[in-house]
Amino acid sequence: LEYNLGSLPPRIAEQAEAVANAPNRVTLTLIEKNKVVFNKRSNGVSDSNLVVSYSMAKSLTYMMVGYAMCEGHIKDLDDKVVQYVPELEGTAYGRSSIKNILNMSSGANASGAHGEPYQGLTAELRDQKTSYLDNLLKYKDPQTRLFQKVKPGDAFDYKNLDTATLMLVIEKATKQPFHEWYELTLVKGAGLERTSAW
């Protein structure tokens, strides 16, 4: 990437500074037409640090679905998830289309804290005490708390497991681990200069 710092209109530059300086922010980079137009680090973070992207990873995952479709691994966004991940047969996620999942409208009722079906899921995943697939399979359970309140596609509901479903679709469709698809497509395509991790 090339740098073109200082090229933002003053009003946007002020807004970027305000966002970058907000509490608990560590990095903000704005890219326009393949050029970095704003780049700020804080709280001891430098370009050599790996930082957790949180919700930005959702957008990156969606981009990787696009790569999989362009390469012919995914035939149609209206395909049901179960066509790619047969293990999700009979679940709210299996009945959803890829398009529903991309729109965060799977129909699964998961909106607990941070879009998790229960508090502590992120810690359990990080500590490898559970897997995304194990959690997605809970959506066979007809309990109201975890089952569909609405039909797939009917309502937006921000949740991490929708993105996890897409990760599984990509793995099954491309026949390779998700992190390898990430390296092959996004890392290579974006020309990232430094190591990243998924």
Protein backbone atom coordinates (compact mmCIF):
# COMPACT_ATOMS: atom_id res chain seq x y z
CA LEU A 1 0.00 0.00 0.00
CA GLU A 2 1.09 3.53 -0.66
CA TYR A 3 0.68 6.32 1.86
CA ASN A 4 -1.05 9.60 1.18
CA LEU A 5 -1.34 10.95 4.72
CA GLY A 6 -2.79 14.40 5.15
CA SER A 7 -5.06 14.11 2.11
CA LEU A 8 -8.33 13.82 4.03
CA PRO A 9 -10.75 16.75 3.97
CA PRO A 10 -10.44 18.66 7.30
CA ARG A 11 -13.87 17.63 8.60
CA ILE A 12 -13.18 13.92 8.01
CA ALA A 13 -9.66 14.22 9.44
CA GLU A 14 -11.14 15.75 12.62
CA GLN A 15 -13.66 12.92 12.90
CA ALA A 16 -10.92 10.32 12.36
CA GLU A 17 -8.82 11.94 15.11
CA ALA A 18 -11.82 11.91 17.47
CA VAL A 19 -12.50 8.22 16.81
CA ALA A 20 -8.80 7.31 17.13
CA ASN A 21 -8.51 9.20 20.43
CA ALA A 22 -11.65 7.72 22.00
CA PRO A 23 -11.20 5.53 25.09
CA ASN A 24 -10.10 1.94 24.47
CA ARG A 25 -9.01 2.59 20.87
CA VAL A 26 -5.60 1.30 19.88
CA THR A 27 -5.44 1.73 16.12
CA LEU A 28 -7.30 3.36 13.27
CA THR A 29 -6.31 3.12 9.62
CA LEU A 30 -8.33 4.56 6.75
CA ILE A 31 -7.63 3.42 3.21
CA GLU A 32 -8.94 5.13 0.10
CA LYS A 33 -8.18 3.98 -3.45
CA ASN A 34 -5.42 1.68 -2.22
CA LYS A 35 -3.65 4.45 -0.31
CA VAL A 36 -3.43 4.86 3.45
CA VAL A 37 -4.91 8.28 4.12
CA PHE A 38 -5.03 8.11 7.94
CA ASN A 39 -2.98 5.96 10.30
CA LYS A 40 -2.85 6.39 14.08
CA ARG A 41 -1.73 4.09 16.89
CA SER A 42 -2.10 4.63 20.63
CA ASN A 43 -1.72 2.89 23.99
CA GLY A 44 1.72 1.55 23.10
CA VAL A 45 0.62 -0.15 19.89
CA SER A 46 2.95 0.09 16.89
CA ASP A 47 2.93 -1.31 13.38
CA SER A 48 4.84 -4.36 14.65
CA ASN A 49 2.03 -5.41 17.05
CA LEU A 50 -0.73 -7.86 16.22
CA VAL A 51 -4.10 -6.48 17.35
CA VAL A 52 -7.48 -8.18 17.59
CA SER A 53 -9.82 -6.90 14.92
CA TYR A 54 -13.12 -8.01 16.54
CA SER A 55 -16.02 -7.03 14.28
CA MET A 56 -13.75 -6.05 11.42
CA ALA A 57 -13.13 -9.79 11.02
CA LYS A 58 -16.78 -10.13 10.01
CA SER A 59 -16.22 -7.88 7.00
CA LEU A 60 -13.04 -9.77 6.11
CA THR A 61 -14.94 -13.06 6.34
CA TYR A 62 -17.59 -11.71 3.97
CA MET A 63 -14.84 -10.75 1.53
CA MET A 64 -13.54 -14.32 1.68
CA VAL A 65 -17.02 -15.62 0.85
CA GLY A 66 -16.81 -13.40 -2.23
CA TYR A 67 -13.44 -14.89 -3.16
CA ALA A 68 -14.88 -18.41 -2.75
CA MET A 69 -17.80 -17.52 -4.99
CA CYS A 70 -15.58 -15.93 -7.65
CA GLU A 71 -13.39 -19.05 -7.65
CA GLY A 72 -16.46 -21.27 -8.13
CA HIS A 73 -16.37 -22.93 -4.70
CA ILE A 74 -19.73 -21.40 -3.72
CA LYS A 75 -22.34 -21.64 -6.46
CA ASP A 76 -25.05 -19.25 -5.27
CA LEU A 77 -25.61 -17.05 -2.23
CA ASP A 78 -29.17 -18.44 -2.09
CA ASP A 79 -27.75 -21.93 -1.42
CA LYS A 80 -28.67 -23.30 2.00
CA VAL A 81 -25.79 -23.59 4.45
CA VAL A 82 -26.54 -27.30 4.91
CA GLN A 83 -25.48 -27.88 1.28
CA TYR A 84 -21.93 -27.03 2.36
CA VAL A 85 -21.98 -28.01 6.05
CA PRO A 86 -24.14 -31.16 6.31
CA GLU A 87 -23.43 -31.36 10.05
CA LEU A 88 -25.83 -28.42 10.48
CA GLU A 89 -28.81 -30.40 9.13
CA GLY A 90 -31.90 -29.64 11.21
CA THR A 91 -30.46 -26.49 12.78
CA ALA A 92 -31.52 -22.88 12.36
CA TYR A 93 -28.17 -22.25 10.69
CA GLY A 94 -28.46 -25.18 8.30
CA ARG A 95 -31.85 -23.94 7.07
CA SER A 96 -30.53 -20.44 6.40
CA SER A 97 -29.12 -19.38 3.05
CA ILE A 98 -25.60 -18.02 2.76
CA LYS A 99 -27.20 -14.67 1.89
CA ASN A 100 -29.22 -14.75 5.14
CA ILE A 101 -26.04 -15.37 7.10
CA LEU A 102 -24.19 -12.57 5.26
CA ASN A 103 -27.06 -10.25 6.25
CA MET A 104 -26.99 -11.48 9.86
CA SER A 105 -30.53 -12.72 9.49
CA SER A 106 -30.10 -16.46 10.14
CA GLY A 107 -33.23 -16.67 12.26
CA ALA A 108 -31.26 -18.17 15.15
CA ASN A 109 -31.92 -16.50 18.48
CA ALA A 110 -28.43 -15.82 19.79
CA SER A 111 -28.35 -12.24 20.90
CA GLY A 112 -26.85 -12.47 24.30
CA ALA A 113 -23.86 -10.38 25.26
CA HIS A 114 -21.86 -9.52 22.13
CA GLY A 115 -24.02 -11.74 19.93
CA GLU A 116 -23.13 -14.92 21.81
CA PRO A 117 -25.66 -17.61 22.76
CA TYR A 118 -24.27 -17.51 26.32
CA GLN A 119 -21.87 -15.35 28.26
CA GLY A 120 -18.32 -16.68 28.17
CA LEU A 121 -18.37 -18.30 24.72
CA THR A 122 -15.49 -16.15 23.46
CA ALA A 123 -13.31 -17.17 26.41
CA GLU A 124 -14.17 -20.85 25.90
CA LEU A 125 -13.28 -20.61 22.20
CA ARG A 126 -10.01 -18.82 22.97
CA ASP A 127 -9.11 -21.48 25.57
CA GLN A 128 -10.17 -24.25 23.15
CA LYS A 129 -12.78 -25.61 25.56
CA THR A 130 -15.42 -25.62 22.82
CA SER A 131 -15.68 -25.17 19.07
CA TYR A 132 -17.89 -23.10 16.82
CA LEU A 133 -19.42 -26.25 15.37
CA ASP A 134 -20.34 -27.55 18.85
CA ASN A 135 -22.15 -24.28 19.52
CA LEU A 136 -23.89 -24.20 16.15
CA LEU A 137 -25.18 -27.72 16.76
CA LYS A 138 -27.03 -26.43 19.85
CA TYR A 139 -29.47 -24.85 17.42
CA LYS A 140 -31.09 -28.26 16.91
CA ASP A 141 -32.42 -27.81 20.41
CA PRO A 142 -36.03 -26.58 20.22
CA GLN A 143 -35.65 -24.47 23.35
CA THR A 144 -37.02 -21.01 22.65
CA ARG A 145 -33.85 -19.37 23.92
CA LEU A 146 -31.69 -20.91 21.19
CA PHE A 147 -34.16 -21.71 18.46
CA GLN A 148 -35.73 -19.59 15.78
CA LYS A 149 -37.93 -16.70 16.77
CA VAL A 150 -38.17 -15.55 13.17
CA LYS A 151 -37.63 -17.18 9.80
CA PRO A 152 -34.24 -16.89 8.11
CA GLY A 153 -34.03 -13.59 6.27
CA ASP A 154 -36.80 -11.89 8.24
CA ALA A 155 -34.79 -9.85 10.75
CA PHE A 156 -31.25 -8.54 11.31
CA ASP A 157 -29.70 -9.82 14.56
CA TYR A 158 -25.98 -9.11 15.13
CA LYS A 159 -24.24 -12.25 16.32
CA ASN A 160 -20.83 -13.83 16.16
CA LEU A 161 -22.13 -17.30 15.31
CA ASP A 162 -23.44 -16.11 11.94
CA THR A 163 -19.86 -15.26 11.00
CA ALA A 164 -18.63 -18.57 12.43
CA THR A 165 -21.11 -20.32 10.15
CA LEU A 166 -19.59 -18.57 7.14
CA MET A 167 -16.15 -19.71 8.23
CA LEU A 168 -17.39 -23.32 8.16
CA VAL A 169 -19.03 -22.81 4.76
CA ILE A 170 -15.72 -21.50 3.39
CA GLU A 171 -13.75 -24.42 4.85
CA LYS A 172 -16.13 -27.00 3.39
CA ALA A 173 -16.50 -25.25 0.02
CA THR A 174 -12.77 -24.69 -0.51
CA LYS A 175 -11.66 -27.92 1.18
CA GLN A 176 -9.01 -26.10 3.19
CA PRO A 177 -8.73 -24.61 6.67
CA PHE A 178 -10.19 -21.15 6.95
CA HIS A 179 -6.87 -19.51 7.94
CA GLU A 180 -5.21 -20.95 4.82
CA TRP A 181 -7.98 -19.51 2.62
CA TYR A 182 -7.48 -16.18 4.39
CA GLU A 183 -3.74 -16.25 3.64
CA LEU A 184 -4.27 -17.32 0.03
CA THR A 185 -6.95 -14.75 -0.79
CA LEU A 186 -7.06 -11.73 1.45
CA VAL A 187 -3.47 -11.54 2.67
CA LYS A 188 -2.04 -12.19 -0.79
CA GLY A 189 -4.62 -10.01 -2.58
CA ALA A 190 -4.19 -7.07 -0.23
CA GLY A 191 -0.41 -7.30 -0.38
CA LEU A 192 -0.09 -7.20 3.40
CA GLU A 193 3.50 -6.49 4.37
CA ARG A 194 3.46 -7.93 7.86
CA THR A 195 2.39 -11.20 9.43
CA SER A 196 -1.24 -11.51 10.35
CA ALA A 197 -3.11 -14.27 12.11
CA TRP A 198 -6.61 -15.66 12.12
